[in-house]
Amino acid sequence: MTKSLSRRDILKSLAVAVPAGSVLDLIPLQAAEHAHKAVRQEKAASPTGEYKPKYFTAHEYETLRSLCQMIIPADAECGGAIEAGAPEFIDLITSENDQYQARLGGGLIWLDATCQQRFGKVYLRSLPLQQKEVLDLIAHRRNEAADPTMHTAIQFFSLLRNLAADGFFTSEIGIKYLGYIGNEFLDEFPGCPPVPEV
């Protein structure tokens, strides 16, 4: 008899600790789709149509949303990370993973503390140029060579970028953006088109 997987089992499979890189290197796409579906169902069942964070505080979640928007903004062609549900995706899988909680939660604390120290305000209340200044410090691994104390913050932002991309590209918006239409059955394979003669 096959044991059916619970929602918690699927979320735990999404939350496999990945030292560096995408969670999708190790988990099936179906598990990511399950997470997006769980978020959609929660929003549909909510009187306000909103997602309630499972791990992050309200302030941390707003910071997470702002960072996701910076990583993959919406444009004229397509919605961005917010519209794709990347913050919800990240919060949901982080709620099941102690290492993500430490790395992402700690990174958000570092971000606010650094902005408070430099500008006298937390990240969300800092000016856009001030936010960019701090993010530029942690957006590039090469900055660690100049300042080894940035290692943990750089690792935080690298993980966050990967998770935001995973959340985006496994969503309906992201899949449509990629132009993926699924596998199609072909009656015949005509081969490559002819190469024009020069």
Protein backbone atom coordinates (compact mmCIF):
# COMPACT_ATOMS: atom_id res chain seq x y z
CA MET A 1 0.00 0.00 0.00
CA THR A 2 1.38 3.40 -0.99
CA LYS A 3 1.39 6.02 1.72
CA SER A 4 -0.06 9.30 0.51
CA LEU A 5 2.01 12.39 1.12
CA SER A 6 0.63 15.01 3.44
CA ARG A 7 0.86 18.76 2.83
CA ARG A 8 3.56 18.89 5.50
CA ASP A 9 5.58 16.13 3.77
CA ILE A 10 5.45 18.01 0.48
CA LEU A 11 6.48 21.30 2.09
CA LYS A 12 9.34 19.53 3.86
CA SER A 13 10.51 18.18 0.49
CA LEU A 14 10.55 21.78 -0.75
CA ALA A 15 12.50 22.86 2.29
CA VAL A 16 15.46 20.52 1.82
CA ALA A 17 18.51 22.40 3.01
CA VAL A 18 20.47 23.60 -0.01
CA PRO A 19 23.84 25.17 0.86
CA ALA A 20 23.95 27.25 -2.31
CA GLY A 21 21.61 27.16 -5.22
CA SER A 22 18.04 26.61 -6.11
CA VAL A 23 15.73 24.38 -4.11
CA LEU A 24 14.56 23.13 -7.49
CA ASP A 25 17.94 21.43 -7.94
CA LEU A 26 16.72 18.82 -5.45
CA ILE A 27 12.94 18.80 -5.46
CA PRO A 28 10.30 17.93 -8.01
CA LEU A 29 8.41 20.66 -9.80
CA GLN A 30 5.19 19.03 -8.59
CA ALA A 31 6.07 19.92 -5.00
CA ALA A 32 6.54 23.58 -5.94
CA GLU A 33 3.21 23.50 -7.77
CA HIS A 34 1.64 22.09 -4.60
CA ALA A 35 2.98 25.03 -2.57
CA HIS A 36 1.52 27.54 -5.06
CA LYS A 37 -1.79 25.69 -4.99
CA ALA A 38 -1.87 25.74 -1.18
CA VAL A 39 -1.32 29.52 -1.23
CA ARG A 40 -4.08 30.03 -3.84
CA GLN A 41 -6.51 27.93 -1.78
CA GLU A 42 -5.71 29.88 1.38
CA LYS A 43 -6.27 33.20 -0.39
CA ALA A 44 -9.54 31.95 -1.86
CA ALA A 45 -10.76 30.84 1.58
CA SER A 46 -9.73 34.09 3.30
CA PRO A 47 -12.43 36.79 3.69
CA THR A 48 -9.86 39.40 2.65
CA GLY A 49 -8.31 37.28 -0.10
CA GLU A 50 -4.92 37.69 1.53
CA TYR A 51 -2.23 35.25 2.57
CA LYS A 52 -1.32 35.15 6.26
CA PRO A 53 2.43 34.57 6.81
CA LYS A 54 3.29 31.28 8.51
CA TYR A 55 6.79 32.13 9.69
CA PHE A 56 7.70 35.78 9.21
CA THR A 57 6.32 38.59 11.35
CA ALA A 58 4.18 41.19 9.57
CA HIS A 59 7.16 43.58 9.34
CA GLU A 60 9.54 40.86 8.11
CA TYR A 61 7.00 39.72 5.54
CA GLU A 62 6.60 43.27 4.18
CA THR A 63 10.39 43.49 3.94
CA LEU A 64 10.46 40.13 2.16
CA ARG A 65 7.82 41.38 -0.31
CA SER A 66 9.86 44.52 -0.97
CA LEU A 67 13.01 42.49 -1.59
CA CYS A 68 11.21 40.08 -3.92
CA GLN A 69 9.88 43.08 -5.86
CA MET A 70 13.46 44.40 -6.19
CA ILE A 71 14.72 40.99 -7.38
CA ILE A 72 12.00 40.36 -9.99
CA PRO A 73 9.97 43.51 -10.66
CA ALA A 74 6.86 43.56 -12.78
CA ASP A 75 7.19 45.07 -16.24
CA ALA A 76 4.96 45.81 -19.22
CA GLU A 77 5.34 42.22 -20.45
CA CYS A 78 4.71 40.27 -17.26
CA GLY A 79 3.95 40.46 -13.55
CA GLY A 80 6.86 40.17 -11.15
CA ALA A 81 7.65 38.19 -8.01
CA ILE A 82 4.77 39.75 -6.05
CA GLU A 83 2.17 38.90 -8.68
CA ALA A 84 3.62 35.38 -9.02
CA GLY A 85 3.30 34.73 -5.28
CA ALA A 86 7.04 34.36 -4.61
CA PRO A 87 6.87 35.90 -1.08
CA GLU A 88 4.09 33.49 -0.08
CA PHE A 89 6.04 30.60 -1.60
CA ILE A 90 9.17 31.58 0.37
CA ASP A 91 7.27 32.05 3.64
CA LEU A 92 5.46 28.74 3.28
CA ILE A 93 8.58 26.65 2.71
CA THR A 94 10.56 28.61 5.32
CA SER A 95 7.90 27.73 7.90
CA GLU A 96 9.00 24.08 7.51
CA ASN A 97 12.78 24.53 7.49
CA ASP A 98 14.92 25.52 10.48
CA GLN A 99 17.93 26.39 8.33
CA TYR A 100 15.90 28.72 6.10
CA GLN A 101 14.42 30.30 9.20
CA ALA A 102 17.91 31.01 10.54
CA ARG A 103 19.33 32.25 7.24
CA LEU A 104 16.37 34.29 6.01
CA GLY A 105 15.19 35.48 9.42
CA GLY A 106 18.74 36.37 10.42
CA GLY A 107 19.31 38.12 7.10
CA LEU A 108 16.23 40.30 7.51
CA ILE A 109 17.36 41.23 11.03
CA TRP A 110 20.83 42.08 9.67
CA LEU A 111 19.27 44.21 6.91
CA ASP A 112 17.21 46.27 9.35
CA ALA A 113 20.09 46.62 11.82
CA THR A 114 22.49 47.74 9.08
CA CYS A 115 20.04 50.32 7.72
CA GLN A 116 19.30 51.52 11.26
CA GLN A 117 23.02 51.94 11.92
CA ARG A 118 23.76 53.71 8.62
CA PHE A 119 20.60 55.75 8.06
CA GLY A 120 18.74 55.79 11.38
CA LYS A 121 15.81 53.85 9.86
CA VAL A 122 14.93 50.22 9.14
CA TYR A 123 15.17 48.99 5.54
CA LEU A 124 11.53 49.65 4.58
CA ARG A 125 11.69 53.25 5.84
CA SER A 126 15.04 54.00 4.20
CA LEU A 127 15.14 55.96 0.96
CA PRO A 128 15.35 53.94 -2.29
CA LEU A 129 18.98 55.01 -2.85
CA GLN A 130 19.84 53.95 0.70
CA GLN A 131 18.17 50.58 0.18
CA LYS A 132 20.12 50.13 -3.05
CA GLU A 133 23.37 51.04 -1.28
CA VAL A 134 22.90 48.27 1.28
CA LEU A 135 21.69 45.70 -1.26
CA ASP A 136 24.71 46.45 -3.48
CA LEU A 137 26.92 45.35 -0.57
CA ILE A 138 25.33 41.90 -0.42
CA ALA A 139 24.35 41.34 -4.05
CA HIS A 140 27.84 40.38 -5.24
CA ARG A 141 30.03 37.59 -3.90
CA ARG A 142 33.14 39.57 -4.85
CA ASN A 143 32.33 42.06 -2.05
CA GLU A 144 33.24 39.36 0.45
CA ALA A 145 36.89 39.60 -0.63
CA ALA A 146 36.94 43.27 0.39
CA ASP A 147 35.00 42.63 3.61
CA PRO A 148 34.88 39.02 4.90
CA THR A 149 32.34 40.03 7.56
CA MET A 150 29.78 40.27 4.73
CA HIS A 151 29.84 36.49 4.12
CA THR A 152 26.62 35.66 5.99
CA ALA A 153 24.71 38.62 4.55
CA ILE A 154 25.84 37.72 1.01
CA GLN A 155 24.74 34.11 1.59
CA PHE A 156 21.36 35.36 2.83
CA PHE A 157 20.75 37.46 -0.28
CA SER A 158 21.95 34.69 -2.59
CA LEU A 159 19.47 32.25 -1.03
CA LEU A 160 16.69 34.83 -1.19
CA ARG A 161 17.36 35.49 -4.90
CA ASN A 162 17.26 31.77 -5.65
CA LEU A 163 14.03 31.27 -3.74
CA ALA A 164 12.42 34.31 -5.37
CA ALA A 165 13.36 32.93 -8.80
CA ASP A 166 12.04 29.49 -7.84
CA GLY A 167 8.80 31.01 -6.60
CA PHE A 168 8.44 33.06 -9.77
CA PHE A 169 9.36 30.47 -12.39
CA THR A 170 7.22 27.71 -10.86
CA SER A 171 4.15 29.96 -10.72
CA GLU A 172 1.52 30.28 -13.44
CA ILE A 173 2.90 33.72 -14.34
CA GLY A 174 6.49 32.47 -14.52
CA ILE A 175 5.63 29.42 -16.60
CA LYS A 176 3.66 31.60 -19.02
CA TYR A 177 6.58 34.06 -19.15
CA LEU A 178 8.89 31.20 -20.17
CA GLY A 179 6.46 30.22 -22.92
CA TYR A 180 6.34 26.64 -21.67
CA ILE A 181 3.28 24.88 -23.10
CA GLY A 182 3.96 21.40 -21.77
CA ASN A 183 4.82 18.20 -23.52
CA GLU A 184 2.99 17.60 -26.78
CA PHE A 185 2.38 14.36 -28.64
CA LEU A 186 3.65 14.49 -32.21
CA ASP A 187 2.35 12.14 -34.94
CA GLU A 188 5.63 12.62 -36.75
CA PHE A 189 8.89 14.49 -36.23
CA PRO A 190 9.73 16.51 -39.34
CA GLY A 191 13.29 17.23 -38.23
CA CYS A 192 15.14 20.51 -38.48
CA PRO A 193 14.06 23.17 -40.96
CA PRO A 194 16.22 23.40 -44.08
CA VAL A 195 19.30 25.56 -43.83
CA PRO A 196 19.27 28.37 -46.41
CA GLU A 197 22.05 28.23 -48.96
CA VAL A 198 24.57 31.01 -48.83
